[in-house]
């Protein structure tokens, strides 16, 4: 199954965009297959980064999210389905490492090795706005405004590294309507899927 990896800071609008296409739990990860052998070097880098953030107060959360993402994306990778999976995946986990590291430049190797399918979508908005959105969630215990600015540099590293690899990257400013955002993602998906078909037939 092909996929488009969506990423951005908490509160930027990932659920608004992605959940319209795929429920976040649509791909079961509990009984996922083993990752393919070609991901071995990437998995080793994940292990190194987990070791690097082991002393962070949120390490257990990080470990759980990385483990679930690895299982989920392994399941997506082997799933026989002509649809394109549009959700958060590996790229978001790189931001998760980046904001926890004292030197976010250490995520560069992660993005150099990260498995990619069709392309990635980077969501952004002014930090002040995204932080305010997070503070609006405080009553639900979901305020993660402290992550927003700490993810800015890792997000830019991701964009730079992936583009250098020749990966298709769509940057979307989420200060627009949800439908307009989804329309842009649909157009991006359709172009990349058509290119993939043409490449396979060549």
N, C-alpha and C. Protein backbone atom coordinates (compact mmCIF):
# COMPACT_ATOMS: atom_id res chain seq x y z
N UNK A 1 0.85 -1.19 0.00
CA UNK A 1 0.00 0.00 0.00
C UNK A 1 0.89 1.25 0.00
N UNK A 2 0.54 2.22 -0.83
CA UNK A 2 1.26 3.49 -0.87
C UNK A 2 0.75 4.41 0.23
N UNK A 3 1.61 5.32 0.67
CA UNK A 3 1.17 6.24 1.71
C UNK A 3 1.78 7.63 1.51
N UNK A 4 1.10 8.61 2.13
CA UNK A 4 1.59 9.98 2.23
C UNK A 4 1.70 10.30 3.71
N UNK A 5 2.89 10.69 4.12
CA UNK A 5 3.23 10.91 5.53
C UNK A 5 2.97 12.38 5.88
N UNK A 6 2.09 12.63 6.84
CA UNK A 6 1.73 14.00 7.22
C UNK A 6 2.36 14.33 8.58
N UNK A 7 2.91 15.54 8.71
CA UNK A 7 3.55 15.89 9.98
C UNK A 7 3.46 17.38 10.27
N UNK A 8 3.63 17.70 11.54
CA UNK A 8 3.57 19.08 12.00
C UNK A 8 3.40 19.11 13.50
N UNK A 9 3.54 20.29 14.12
CA UNK A 9 3.45 20.39 15.58
C UNK A 9 2.03 20.12 16.08
N UNK A 10 1.89 19.78 17.36
CA UNK A 10 0.54 19.59 17.91
C UNK A 10 -0.27 20.87 17.80
N UNK A 11 -1.54 20.71 17.38
CA UNK A 11 -2.40 21.87 17.24
C UNK A 11 -2.39 22.51 15.87
N UNK A 12 -1.56 21.99 14.97
CA UNK A 12 -1.46 22.62 13.65
C UNK A 12 -2.60 22.21 12.73
N UNK A 13 -3.24 21.06 13.01
CA UNK A 13 -4.37 20.64 12.18
C UNK A 13 -4.21 19.28 11.53
N UNK A 14 -3.35 18.43 12.05
CA UNK A 14 -3.13 17.11 11.44
C UNK A 14 -4.40 16.27 11.44
N UNK A 15 -5.10 16.23 12.56
CA UNK A 15 -6.34 15.44 12.63
C UNK A 15 -7.39 15.99 11.68
N UNK A 16 -7.48 17.31 11.59
CA UNK A 16 -8.45 17.94 10.70
C UNK A 16 -8.24 17.50 9.27
N UNK A 17 -6.98 17.40 8.86
CA UNK A 17 -6.67 16.99 7.50
C UNK A 17 -6.76 15.46 7.34
N UNK A 18 -6.07 14.73 8.20
CA UNK A 18 -5.88 13.29 7.98
C UNK A 18 -7.12 12.46 8.29
N UNK A 19 -7.82 12.77 9.37
CA UNK A 19 -8.90 11.90 9.80
C UNK A 19 -10.07 11.90 8.83
N UNK A 20 -10.12 12.88 7.95
CA UNK A 20 -11.13 12.91 6.89
C UNK A 20 -10.89 11.76 5.91
N UNK A 21 -9.64 11.40 5.73
CA UNK A 21 -9.28 10.35 4.76
C UNK A 21 -9.20 8.97 5.42
N UNK A 22 -8.54 8.91 6.57
CA UNK A 22 -8.33 7.64 7.27
C UNK A 22 -8.48 7.87 8.78
N UNK A 23 -9.28 7.03 9.41
CA UNK A 23 -9.36 7.07 10.86
C UNK A 23 -7.98 6.76 11.42
N UNK A 24 -7.55 7.42 12.50
CA UNK A 24 -6.20 7.17 13.02
C UNK A 24 -5.94 5.73 13.45
N UNK A 25 -7.00 4.97 13.72
CA UNK A 25 -6.83 3.57 14.12
C UNK A 25 -7.33 2.60 13.06
N UNK A 26 -7.41 3.08 11.81
CA UNK A 26 -7.92 2.23 10.72
C UNK A 26 -6.99 1.07 10.40
N UNK A 27 -5.70 1.25 10.65
CA UNK A 27 -4.71 0.20 10.39
C UNK A 27 -4.30 -0.42 11.72
N UNK A 28 -4.76 -1.63 12.03
CA UNK A 28 -4.39 -2.27 13.30
C UNK A 28 -2.87 -2.48 13.37
N UNK A 29 -2.30 -2.17 14.52
CA UNK A 29 -0.85 -2.33 14.66
C UNK A 29 -0.46 -3.44 15.62
N UNK A 30 -1.45 -3.98 16.34
CA UNK A 30 -1.12 -4.95 17.39
C UNK A 30 -0.51 -6.23 16.83
N UNK A 31 -0.98 -6.66 15.66
CA UNK A 31 -0.45 -7.90 15.06
C UNK A 31 0.25 -7.61 13.74
N UNK A 32 0.96 -6.49 13.70
CA UNK A 32 1.62 -6.05 12.47
C UNK A 32 2.77 -6.99 12.11
N UNK A 33 3.08 -7.10 10.83
CA UNK A 33 4.23 -7.92 10.41
C UNK A 33 5.54 -7.27 10.82
N UNK A 34 6.59 -8.05 10.76
CA UNK A 34 7.92 -7.51 11.04
C UNK A 34 8.28 -6.49 9.96
N UNK A 35 9.00 -5.44 10.31
CA UNK A 35 9.43 -4.47 9.30
C UNK A 35 10.29 -5.16 8.24
N UNK A 36 10.24 -4.69 7.01
CA UNK A 36 11.07 -5.30 5.95
C UNK A 36 12.56 -5.11 6.22
N UNK A 37 13.36 -5.99 5.67
CA UNK A 37 14.80 -5.94 5.91
C UNK A 37 15.43 -4.64 5.44
N UNK A 38 14.84 -4.04 4.40
CA UNK A 38 15.43 -2.80 3.89
C UNK A 38 15.27 -1.63 4.85
N UNK A 39 14.50 -1.81 5.91
CA UNK A 39 14.37 -0.77 6.92
C UNK A 39 15.37 -0.94 8.07
N UNK A 40 16.24 -1.91 7.98
CA UNK A 40 17.12 -2.23 9.11
C UNK A 40 17.93 -1.04 9.59
N UNK A 41 18.55 -0.31 8.68
CA UNK A 41 19.40 0.82 9.08
C UNK A 41 18.56 1.92 9.72
N UNK A 42 17.36 2.13 9.20
CA UNK A 42 16.45 3.11 9.80
C UNK A 42 16.05 2.69 11.21
N UNK A 43 15.77 1.41 11.41
CA UNK A 43 15.41 0.91 12.74
C UNK A 43 16.56 1.09 13.72
N UNK A 44 17.77 0.89 13.24
CA UNK A 44 18.94 1.08 14.10
C UNK A 44 19.07 2.54 14.50
N UNK A 45 18.75 3.46 13.59
CA UNK A 45 18.80 4.88 13.92
C UNK A 45 17.72 5.22 14.93
N UNK A 46 16.53 4.63 14.79
CA UNK A 46 15.47 4.83 15.79
C UNK A 46 15.94 4.39 17.16
N UNK A 47 16.62 3.25 17.21
CA UNK A 47 17.13 2.75 18.49
C UNK A 47 18.16 3.70 19.09
N UNK A 48 19.02 4.27 18.25
CA UNK A 48 20.03 5.22 18.75
C UNK A 48 19.36 6.48 19.31
N UNK A 49 18.34 6.96 18.62
CA UNK A 49 17.65 8.17 19.08
C UNK A 49 16.85 7.89 20.36
N UNK A 50 16.25 6.72 20.45
CA UNK A 50 15.55 6.37 21.68
C UNK A 50 16.53 6.34 22.86
N UNK A 51 17.71 5.84 22.62
CA UNK A 51 18.74 5.83 23.66
C UNK A 51 19.12 7.26 24.05
N UNK A 52 19.18 8.14 23.04
CA UNK A 52 19.59 9.52 23.29
C UNK A 52 18.57 10.29 24.12
N UNK A 53 17.28 9.92 24.03
CA UNK A 53 16.25 10.65 24.79
C UNK A 53 15.76 9.84 25.99
N UNK A 54 16.51 8.82 26.36
CA UNK A 54 16.09 7.91 27.43
C UNK A 54 15.84 8.64 28.76
N UNK A 55 16.59 9.70 29.02
CA UNK A 55 16.44 10.42 30.28
C UNK A 55 15.38 11.50 30.25
N UNK A 56 14.70 11.69 29.14
CA UNK A 56 13.69 12.74 29.03
C UNK A 56 12.46 12.37 29.84
N UNK A 57 11.80 13.38 30.41
CA UNK A 57 10.63 13.10 31.26
C UNK A 57 9.50 12.39 30.50
N UNK A 58 9.47 12.57 29.18
CA UNK A 58 8.40 11.97 28.37
C UNK A 58 8.87 10.74 27.59
N UNK A 59 9.95 10.11 28.05
CA UNK A 59 10.52 9.00 27.29
C UNK A 59 9.52 7.88 27.05
N UNK A 60 8.75 7.49 28.05
CA UNK A 60 7.82 6.38 27.87
C UNK A 60 6.78 6.71 26.79
N UNK A 61 6.33 7.95 26.75
CA UNK A 61 5.41 8.35 25.68
C UNK A 61 6.08 8.23 24.32
N UNK A 62 7.32 8.68 24.24
CA UNK A 62 8.07 8.62 22.99
C UNK A 62 8.24 7.16 22.55
N UNK A 63 8.65 6.32 23.46
CA UNK A 63 8.85 4.90 23.14
C UNK A 63 7.56 4.27 22.64
N UNK A 64 6.45 4.55 23.31
CA UNK A 64 5.17 3.99 22.90
C UNK A 64 4.76 4.44 21.52
N UNK A 65 4.93 5.73 21.23
CA UNK A 65 4.53 6.26 19.93
C UNK A 65 5.42 5.73 18.80
N UNK A 66 6.72 5.64 19.06
CA UNK A 66 7.63 5.10 18.04
C UNK A 66 7.29 3.64 17.75
N UNK A 67 7.06 2.87 18.79
CA UNK A 67 6.72 1.45 18.62
C UNK A 67 5.44 1.29 17.82
N UNK A 68 4.42 2.06 18.18
CA UNK A 68 3.14 1.96 17.45
C UNK A 68 3.30 2.39 15.99
N UNK A 69 4.06 3.44 15.75
CA UNK A 69 4.24 3.91 14.37
C UNK A 69 5.00 2.89 13.53
N UNK A 70 6.01 2.27 14.10
CA UNK A 70 6.75 1.25 13.37
C UNK A 70 5.84 0.08 13.00
N UNK A 71 5.02 -0.34 13.95
CA UNK A 71 4.10 -1.44 13.67
C UNK A 71 3.06 -1.04 12.64
N UNK A 72 2.49 0.16 12.81
CA UNK A 72 1.45 0.61 11.89
C UNK A 72 1.99 0.73 10.47
N UNK A 73 3.15 1.36 10.32
CA UNK A 73 3.67 1.57 8.97
C UNK A 73 4.16 0.27 8.35
N UNK A 74 4.57 -0.70 9.17
CA UNK A 74 4.89 -2.03 8.63
C UNK A 74 3.64 -2.67 8.06
N UNK A 75 2.50 -2.49 8.77
CA UNK A 75 1.23 -3.03 8.28
C UNK A 75 0.79 -2.33 7.00
N UNK A 76 0.96 -1.01 6.95
CA UNK A 76 0.62 -0.26 5.74
C UNK A 76 1.47 -0.73 4.57
N UNK A 77 2.74 -0.93 4.83
CA UNK A 77 3.70 -1.32 3.78
C UNK A 77 3.29 -2.61 3.08
N UNK A 78 2.76 -3.56 3.82
CA UNK A 78 2.44 -4.87 3.23
C UNK A 78 0.97 -5.01 2.85
N UNK A 79 0.15 -4.04 3.20
CA UNK A 79 -1.29 -4.14 2.97
C UNK A 79 -1.61 -4.10 1.47
N UNK A 80 -2.40 -5.04 1.01
CA UNK A 80 -2.83 -5.06 -0.39
C UNK A 80 -4.05 -4.16 -0.53
N UNK A 81 -3.83 -2.94 -0.99
CA UNK A 81 -4.91 -1.97 -1.10
C UNK A 81 -4.47 -0.90 -2.09
N UNK A 82 -5.31 -0.59 -3.06
CA UNK A 82 -4.96 0.40 -4.07
C UNK A 82 -5.14 1.83 -3.57
N UNK A 83 -5.79 2.00 -2.43
CA UNK A 83 -5.96 3.35 -1.89
C UNK A 83 -4.64 3.86 -1.32
N UNK A 84 -4.56 5.16 -1.16
CA UNK A 84 -3.37 5.79 -0.59
C UNK A 84 -3.66 6.13 0.87
N UNK A 85 -2.80 5.67 1.76
CA UNK A 85 -2.96 5.95 3.19
C UNK A 85 -2.42 7.34 3.48
N UNK A 86 -3.26 8.20 4.02
CA UNK A 86 -2.87 9.58 4.34
C UNK A 86 -3.05 9.77 5.84
N UNK A 87 -1.93 9.79 6.57
CA UNK A 87 -1.98 9.92 8.03
C UNK A 87 -0.58 10.27 8.53
N UNK A 88 -0.48 10.47 9.83
CA UNK A 88 0.84 10.65 10.43
C UNK A 88 1.56 9.31 10.46
N UNK A 89 2.88 9.37 10.42
CA UNK A 89 3.68 8.14 10.42
C UNK A 89 5.09 8.43 10.88
N UNK A 90 6.05 8.05 10.04
CA UNK A 90 7.46 8.20 10.42
C UNK A 90 7.90 9.65 10.56
N UNK A 91 7.44 10.52 9.67
CA UNK A 91 7.91 11.91 9.70
C UNK A 91 7.55 12.59 11.03
N UNK A 92 6.36 12.29 11.55
CA UNK A 92 5.96 12.87 12.83
C UNK A 92 6.83 12.38 13.97
N UNK A 93 7.24 11.13 13.92
CA UNK A 93 8.10 10.59 14.98
C UNK A 93 9.46 11.29 14.97
N UNK A 94 9.90 11.71 13.79
CA UNK A 94 11.15 12.47 13.74
C UNK A 94 11.03 13.78 14.48
N UNK A 95 9.88 14.46 14.36
CA UNK A 95 9.66 15.68 15.13
C UNK A 95 9.64 15.36 16.62
N UNK A 96 9.07 14.20 16.96
CA UNK A 96 9.03 13.78 18.36
C UNK A 96 10.41 13.60 18.95
N UNK A 97 11.31 13.04 18.15
CA UNK A 97 12.70 12.96 18.62
C UNK A 97 13.32 14.35 18.70
N UNK A 98 13.07 15.14 17.66
CA UNK A 98 13.74 16.44 17.55
C UNK A 98 13.48 17.36 18.72
N UNK A 99 12.24 17.46 19.18
CA UNK A 99 11.96 18.42 20.26
C UNK A 99 12.51 17.94 21.60
N UNK A 100 12.77 16.63 21.71
CA UNK A 100 13.31 16.09 22.96
C UNK A 100 14.84 16.15 23.01
N UNK A 101 15.50 16.31 21.89
CA UNK A 101 16.96 16.29 21.84
C UNK A 101 17.54 17.67 22.17
N UNK A 102 18.66 17.68 22.87
CA UNK A 102 19.33 18.96 23.14
C UNK A 102 19.88 19.56 21.85
N UNK A 103 20.21 18.70 20.88
CA UNK A 103 20.67 19.15 19.57
C UNK A 103 19.76 18.55 18.51
N UNK A 104 18.76 19.31 18.03
CA UNK A 104 17.81 18.76 17.06
C UNK A 104 18.45 18.36 15.73
N UNK A 105 19.68 18.84 15.48
CA UNK A 105 20.35 18.45 14.23
C UNK A 105 20.56 16.95 14.16
N UNK A 106 20.47 16.28 15.30
CA UNK A 106 20.68 14.83 15.31
C UNK A 106 19.58 14.07 14.57
N UNK A 107 18.46 14.74 14.24
CA UNK A 107 17.42 14.03 13.50
C UNK A 107 17.72 13.98 12.00
N UNK A 108 18.77 14.66 11.58
CA UNK A 108 19.08 14.68 10.15
C UNK A 108 19.26 13.28 9.59
N UNK A 109 20.01 12.44 10.29
CA UNK A 109 20.24 11.07 9.82
C UNK A 109 18.94 10.28 9.79
N UNK A 110 18.06 10.53 10.74
CA UNK A 110 16.76 9.87 10.78
C UNK A 110 16.02 10.10 9.46
N UNK A 111 15.98 11.36 9.02
CA UNK A 111 15.25 11.68 7.80
C UNK A 111 16.00 11.23 6.55
N UNK A 112 17.30 11.09 6.65
CA UNK A 112 18.04 10.53 5.51
C UNK A 112 17.68 9.07 5.29
N UNK A 113 17.35 8.36 6.35
CA UNK A 113 17.06 6.92 6.28
C UNK A 113 15.57 6.59 6.28
N UNK A 114 14.72 7.54 6.58
CA UNK A 114 13.29 7.29 6.77
C UNK A 114 12.65 6.69 5.53
N UNK A 115 11.93 5.57 5.69
CA UNK A 115 11.19 5.01 4.54
C UNK A 115 10.14 5.99 4.03
N UNK A 116 10.08 6.14 2.73
CA UNK A 116 9.15 7.06 2.09
C UNK A 116 8.41 6.30 1.00
N UNK A 117 7.13 6.63 0.84
CA UNK A 117 6.33 6.01 -0.23
C UNK A 117 6.11 7.04 -1.33
N UNK A 118 4.94 7.68 -1.37
CA UNK A 118 4.66 8.65 -2.43
C UNK A 118 5.24 10.02 -2.12
N UNK A 119 5.11 10.48 -0.89
CA UNK A 119 5.59 11.81 -0.53
C UNK A 119 5.17 12.17 0.87
N UNK A 120 5.41 13.44 1.25
CA UNK A 120 5.09 13.90 2.60
C UNK A 120 4.38 15.24 2.53
N UNK A 121 3.57 15.52 3.55
CA UNK A 121 2.88 16.80 3.68
C UNK A 121 3.28 17.42 5.02
N UNK A 122 3.86 18.61 4.96
CA UNK A 122 4.26 19.34 6.16
C UNK A 122 3.24 20.44 6.44
N UNK A 123 2.60 20.36 7.59
CA UNK A 123 1.62 21.37 7.98
C UNK A 123 2.27 22.40 8.90
N UNK A 124 1.93 23.68 8.69
CA UNK A 124 2.51 24.72 9.52
C UNK A 124 1.53 25.88 9.68
N UNK A 125 1.79 26.71 10.65
CA UNK A 125 1.08 27.96 10.89
C UNK A 125 1.98 28.76 11.83
N UNK A 126 1.74 30.06 12.01
CA UNK A 126 2.57 30.84 12.91
C UNK A 126 2.58 30.22 14.32
N UNK A 127 3.76 30.12 14.95
CA UNK A 127 3.85 29.49 16.26
C UNK A 127 2.89 30.07 17.29
N UNK A 128 2.71 31.40 17.29
CA UNK A 128 1.80 32.01 18.25
C UNK A 128 0.39 31.45 18.12
N UNK A 129 -0.05 31.26 16.88
CA UNK A 129 -1.39 30.74 16.62
C UNK A 129 -1.51 29.29 17.08
N UNK A 130 -0.49 28.49 16.76
CA UNK A 130 -0.53 27.06 17.11
C UNK A 130 -0.46 26.90 18.63
N UNK A 131 0.35 27.72 19.28
CA UNK A 131 0.42 27.67 20.74
C UNK A 131 -0.93 28.03 21.37
N UNK A 132 -1.59 29.03 20.80
CA UNK A 132 -2.90 29.43 21.32
C UNK A 132 -3.92 28.31 21.15
N UNK A 133 -3.85 27.62 20.01
CA UNK A 133 -4.74 26.47 19.81
C UNK A 133 -4.52 25.42 20.89
N UNK A 134 -3.27 25.18 21.23
CA UNK A 134 -2.95 24.20 22.26
C UNK A 134 -3.49 24.63 23.62
N UNK A 135 -3.33 25.90 23.94
CA UNK A 135 -3.82 26.38 25.23
C UNK A 135 -5.34 26.29 25.32
N UNK A 136 -6.00 26.34 24.17
CA UNK A 136 -7.44 26.18 24.14
C UNK A 136 -7.88 24.77 24.47
N UNK A 137 -6.93 23.83 24.43
CA UNK A 137 -7.24 22.43 24.75
C UNK A 137 -6.91 22.08 26.20
N UNK A 138 -6.50 23.07 26.96
CA UNK A 138 -6.01 22.81 28.31
C UNK A 138 -7.05 22.13 29.19
N UNK A 139 -8.30 22.50 29.03
CA UNK A 139 -9.36 21.90 29.85
C UNK A 139 -9.48 20.40 29.61
N UNK A 140 -9.08 19.95 28.41
CA UNK A 140 -9.11 18.52 28.09
C UNK A 140 -7.78 17.84 28.40
N UNK A 141 -6.85 18.59 29.00
CA UNK A 141 -5.55 18.03 29.34
C UNK A 141 -4.67 17.77 28.14
N UNK A 142 -4.88 18.52 27.05
CA UNK A 142 -4.13 18.27 25.81
C UNK A 142 -3.27 19.45 25.40
N UNK A 143 -2.92 20.32 26.32
CA UNK A 143 -2.08 21.47 25.99
C UNK A 143 -0.63 21.04 25.82
N UNK A 144 -0.13 21.11 24.59
CA UNK A 144 1.26 20.76 24.31
C UNK A 144 1.96 21.95 23.64
N UNK A 145 1.65 23.16 24.11
CA UNK A 145 2.22 24.35 23.49
C UNK A 145 3.74 24.39 23.61
N UNK A 146 4.31 23.72 24.63
CA UNK A 146 5.76 23.72 24.82
C UNK A 146 6.51 22.97 23.72
N UNK A 147 5.81 22.19 22.94
CA UNK A 147 6.46 21.44 21.85
C UNK A 147 6.55 22.26 20.57
N UNK A 148 5.70 23.26 20.41
CA UNK A 148 5.51 23.92 19.13
C UNK A 148 6.80 24.51 18.58
N UNK A 149 7.44 25.42 19.34
CA UNK A 149 8.66 26.05 18.84
C UNK A 149 9.84 25.07 18.81
N UNK A 150 9.81 24.10 19.72
CA UNK A 150 10.89 23.12 19.75
C UNK A 150 10.85 22.20 18.53
N UNK A 151 9.71 22.17 17.82
CA UNK A 151 9.60 21.35 16.62
C UNK A 151 9.90 22.13 15.34
N UNK A 152 10.11 23.43 15.44
CA UNK A 152 10.31 24.23 14.23
C UNK A 152 11.59 23.83 13.49
N UNK A 153 12.69 23.70 14.21
CA UNK A 153 13.94 23.33 13.55
C UNK A 153 13.90 21.89 13.03
N UNK A 154 13.43 20.90 13.80
CA UNK A 154 13.32 19.55 13.24
C UNK A 154 12.43 19.49 11.99
N UNK A 155 11.35 20.27 11.98
CA UNK A 155 10.49 20.27 10.79
C UNK A 155 11.23 20.79 9.57
N UNK A 156 12.02 21.84 9.73
CA UNK A 156 12.77 22.38 8.61
C UNK A 156 13.85 21.40 8.16
N UNK A 157 14.49 20.74 9.11
CA UNK A 157 15.49 19.71 8.75
C UNK A 157 14.82 18.62 7.93
N UNK A 158 13.65 18.18 8.36
CA UNK A 158 12.92 17.14 7.62
C UNK A 158 12.67 17.58 6.18
N UNK A 159 12.16 18.80 6.01
CA UNK A 159 11.86 19.29 4.66
C UNK A 159 13.12 19.34 3.81
N UNK A 160 14.20 19.90 4.37
CA UNK A 160 15.44 20.05 3.62
C UNK A 160 16.02 18.69 3.22
N UNK A 161 16.07 17.76 4.16
CA UNK A 161 16.67 16.45 3.89
C UNK A 161 15.83 15.67 2.89
N UNK A 162 14.52 15.67 3.08
CA UNK A 162 13.65 14.90 2.19
C UNK A 162 13.68 15.47 0.78
N UNK A 163 13.67 16.78 0.65
CA UNK A 163 13.76 17.37 -0.69
C UNK A 163 15.09 17.04 -1.35
N UNK A 164 16.16 17.04 -0.55
CA UNK A 164 17.48 16.68 -1.09
C UNK A 164 17.50 15.23 -1.57
N UNK A 165 16.67 14.39 -0.96
CA UNK A 165 16.54 13.00 -1.40
C UNK A 165 15.67 12.85 -2.64
N UNK A 166 15.03 13.92 -3.07
CA UNK A 166 14.14 13.86 -4.21
C UNK A 166 12.71 13.49 -3.86
N UNK A 167 12.38 13.57 -2.57
CA UNK A 167 11.04 13.24 -2.10
C UNK A 167 10.09 14.42 -2.38
N UNK A 168 8.88 14.11 -2.83
CA UNK A 168 7.87 15.15 -3.04
C UNK A 168 7.38 15.66 -1.69
N UNK A 169 7.51 16.98 -1.47
CA UNK A 169 7.10 17.60 -0.20
C UNK A 169 6.09 18.69 -0.50
N UNK A 170 4.92 18.60 0.15
CA UNK A 170 3.91 19.65 0.06
C UNK A 170 3.84 20.36 1.40
N UNK A 171 4.09 21.67 1.40
CA UNK A 171 3.97 22.48 2.62
C UNK A 171 2.63 23.20 2.59
N UNK A 172 1.84 23.01 3.65
CA UNK A 172 0.51 23.61 3.71
C UNK A 172 0.37 24.50 4.94
N UNK A 173 0.00 25.76 4.70
CA UNK A 173 -0.32 26.69 5.77
C UNK A 173 -1.76 26.39 6.20
N UNK A 174 -1.96 26.04 7.46
CA UNK A 174 -3.29 25.62 7.91
C UNK A 174 -4.21 26.78 8.28
N UNK A 175 -3.82 28.01 7.95
CA UNK A 175 -4.70 29.16 8.17
C UNK A 175 -5.68 29.31 7.01
N UNK A 176 -6.28 28.23 6.62
CA UNK A 176 -7.29 28.24 5.57
C UNK A 176 -8.35 27.23 5.95
N UNK A 177 -9.36 27.08 5.11
CA UNK A 177 -10.46 26.19 5.48
C UNK A 177 -10.03 24.73 5.42
N UNK A 178 -10.60 23.87 6.28
CA UNK A 178 -10.29 22.44 6.22
C UNK A 178 -10.52 21.85 4.84
N UNK A 179 -11.58 22.28 4.17
CA UNK A 179 -11.86 21.70 2.85
C UNK A 179 -10.79 22.09 1.83
N UNK A 180 -10.31 23.32 1.90
CA UNK A 180 -9.24 23.75 0.99
C UNK A 180 -7.97 22.94 1.25
N UNK A 181 -7.66 22.71 2.53
CA UNK A 181 -6.49 21.89 2.85
C UNK A 181 -6.63 20.49 2.29
N UNK A 182 -7.82 19.91 2.48
CA UNK A 182 -8.04 18.55 1.98
C UNK A 182 -7.98 18.50 0.46
N UNK A 183 -8.50 19.53 -0.18
CA UNK A 183 -8.44 19.57 -1.65
C UNK A 183 -7.01 19.59 -2.14
N UNK A 184 -6.16 20.34 -1.45
CA UNK A 184 -4.75 20.39 -1.85
C UNK A 184 -4.07 19.04 -1.64
N UNK A 185 -4.43 18.37 -0.54
CA UNK A 185 -3.86 17.05 -0.29
C UNK A 185 -4.36 16.05 -1.35
N UNK A 186 -5.63 16.15 -1.73
CA UNK A 186 -6.17 15.26 -2.76
C UNK A 186 -5.44 15.47 -4.08
N UNK A 187 -5.23 16.72 -4.46
CA UNK A 187 -4.50 16.99 -5.68
C UNK A 187 -3.08 16.44 -5.65
N UNK A 188 -2.42 16.63 -4.52
CA UNK A 188 -1.06 16.11 -4.31
C UNK A 188 -1.06 14.59 -4.43
N UNK A 189 -2.02 13.95 -3.75
CA UNK A 189 -2.13 12.49 -3.80
C UNK A 189 -2.34 12.01 -5.23
N UNK A 190 -3.25 12.64 -5.95
CA UNK A 190 -3.57 12.19 -7.30
C UNK A 190 -2.38 12.32 -8.24
N UNK A 191 -1.65 13.42 -8.12
CA UNK A 191 -0.47 13.61 -8.97
C UNK A 191 0.60 12.55 -8.69
N UNK A 192 0.86 12.34 -7.39
CA UNK A 192 1.91 11.37 -7.04
C UNK A 192 1.51 9.95 -7.40
N UNK A 193 0.24 9.60 -7.20
CA UNK A 193 -0.23 8.26 -7.54
C UNK A 193 -0.13 8.02 -9.04
N UNK A 194 -0.50 9.03 -9.83
CA UNK A 194 -0.41 8.91 -11.29
C UNK A 194 1.04 8.75 -11.73
N UNK A 195 1.94 9.52 -11.12
CA UNK A 195 3.36 9.39 -11.44
C UNK A 195 3.88 8.01 -11.10
N UNK A 196 3.43 7.46 -9.97
CA UNK A 196 3.88 6.13 -9.56
C UNK A 196 3.43 5.07 -10.54
N UNK A 197 2.20 5.20 -11.05
CA UNK A 197 1.69 4.25 -12.06
C UNK A 197 2.50 4.35 -13.34
N UNK A 198 2.79 5.57 -13.76
CA UNK A 198 3.57 5.75 -14.97
C UNK A 198 4.98 5.19 -14.84
N UNK A 199 5.59 5.40 -13.66
CA UNK A 199 6.93 4.88 -13.42
C UNK A 199 6.94 3.36 -13.43
N UNK A 200 5.91 2.75 -12.85
CA UNK A 200 5.82 1.28 -12.81
C UNK A 200 5.64 0.69 -14.19
N UNK A 201 4.96 1.46 -15.08
CA UNK A 201 4.70 0.96 -16.42
C UNK A 201 5.86 1.20 -17.37
N UNK A 202 6.79 2.07 -16.98
CA UNK A 202 7.90 2.43 -17.87
C UNK A 202 8.90 1.28 -18.00
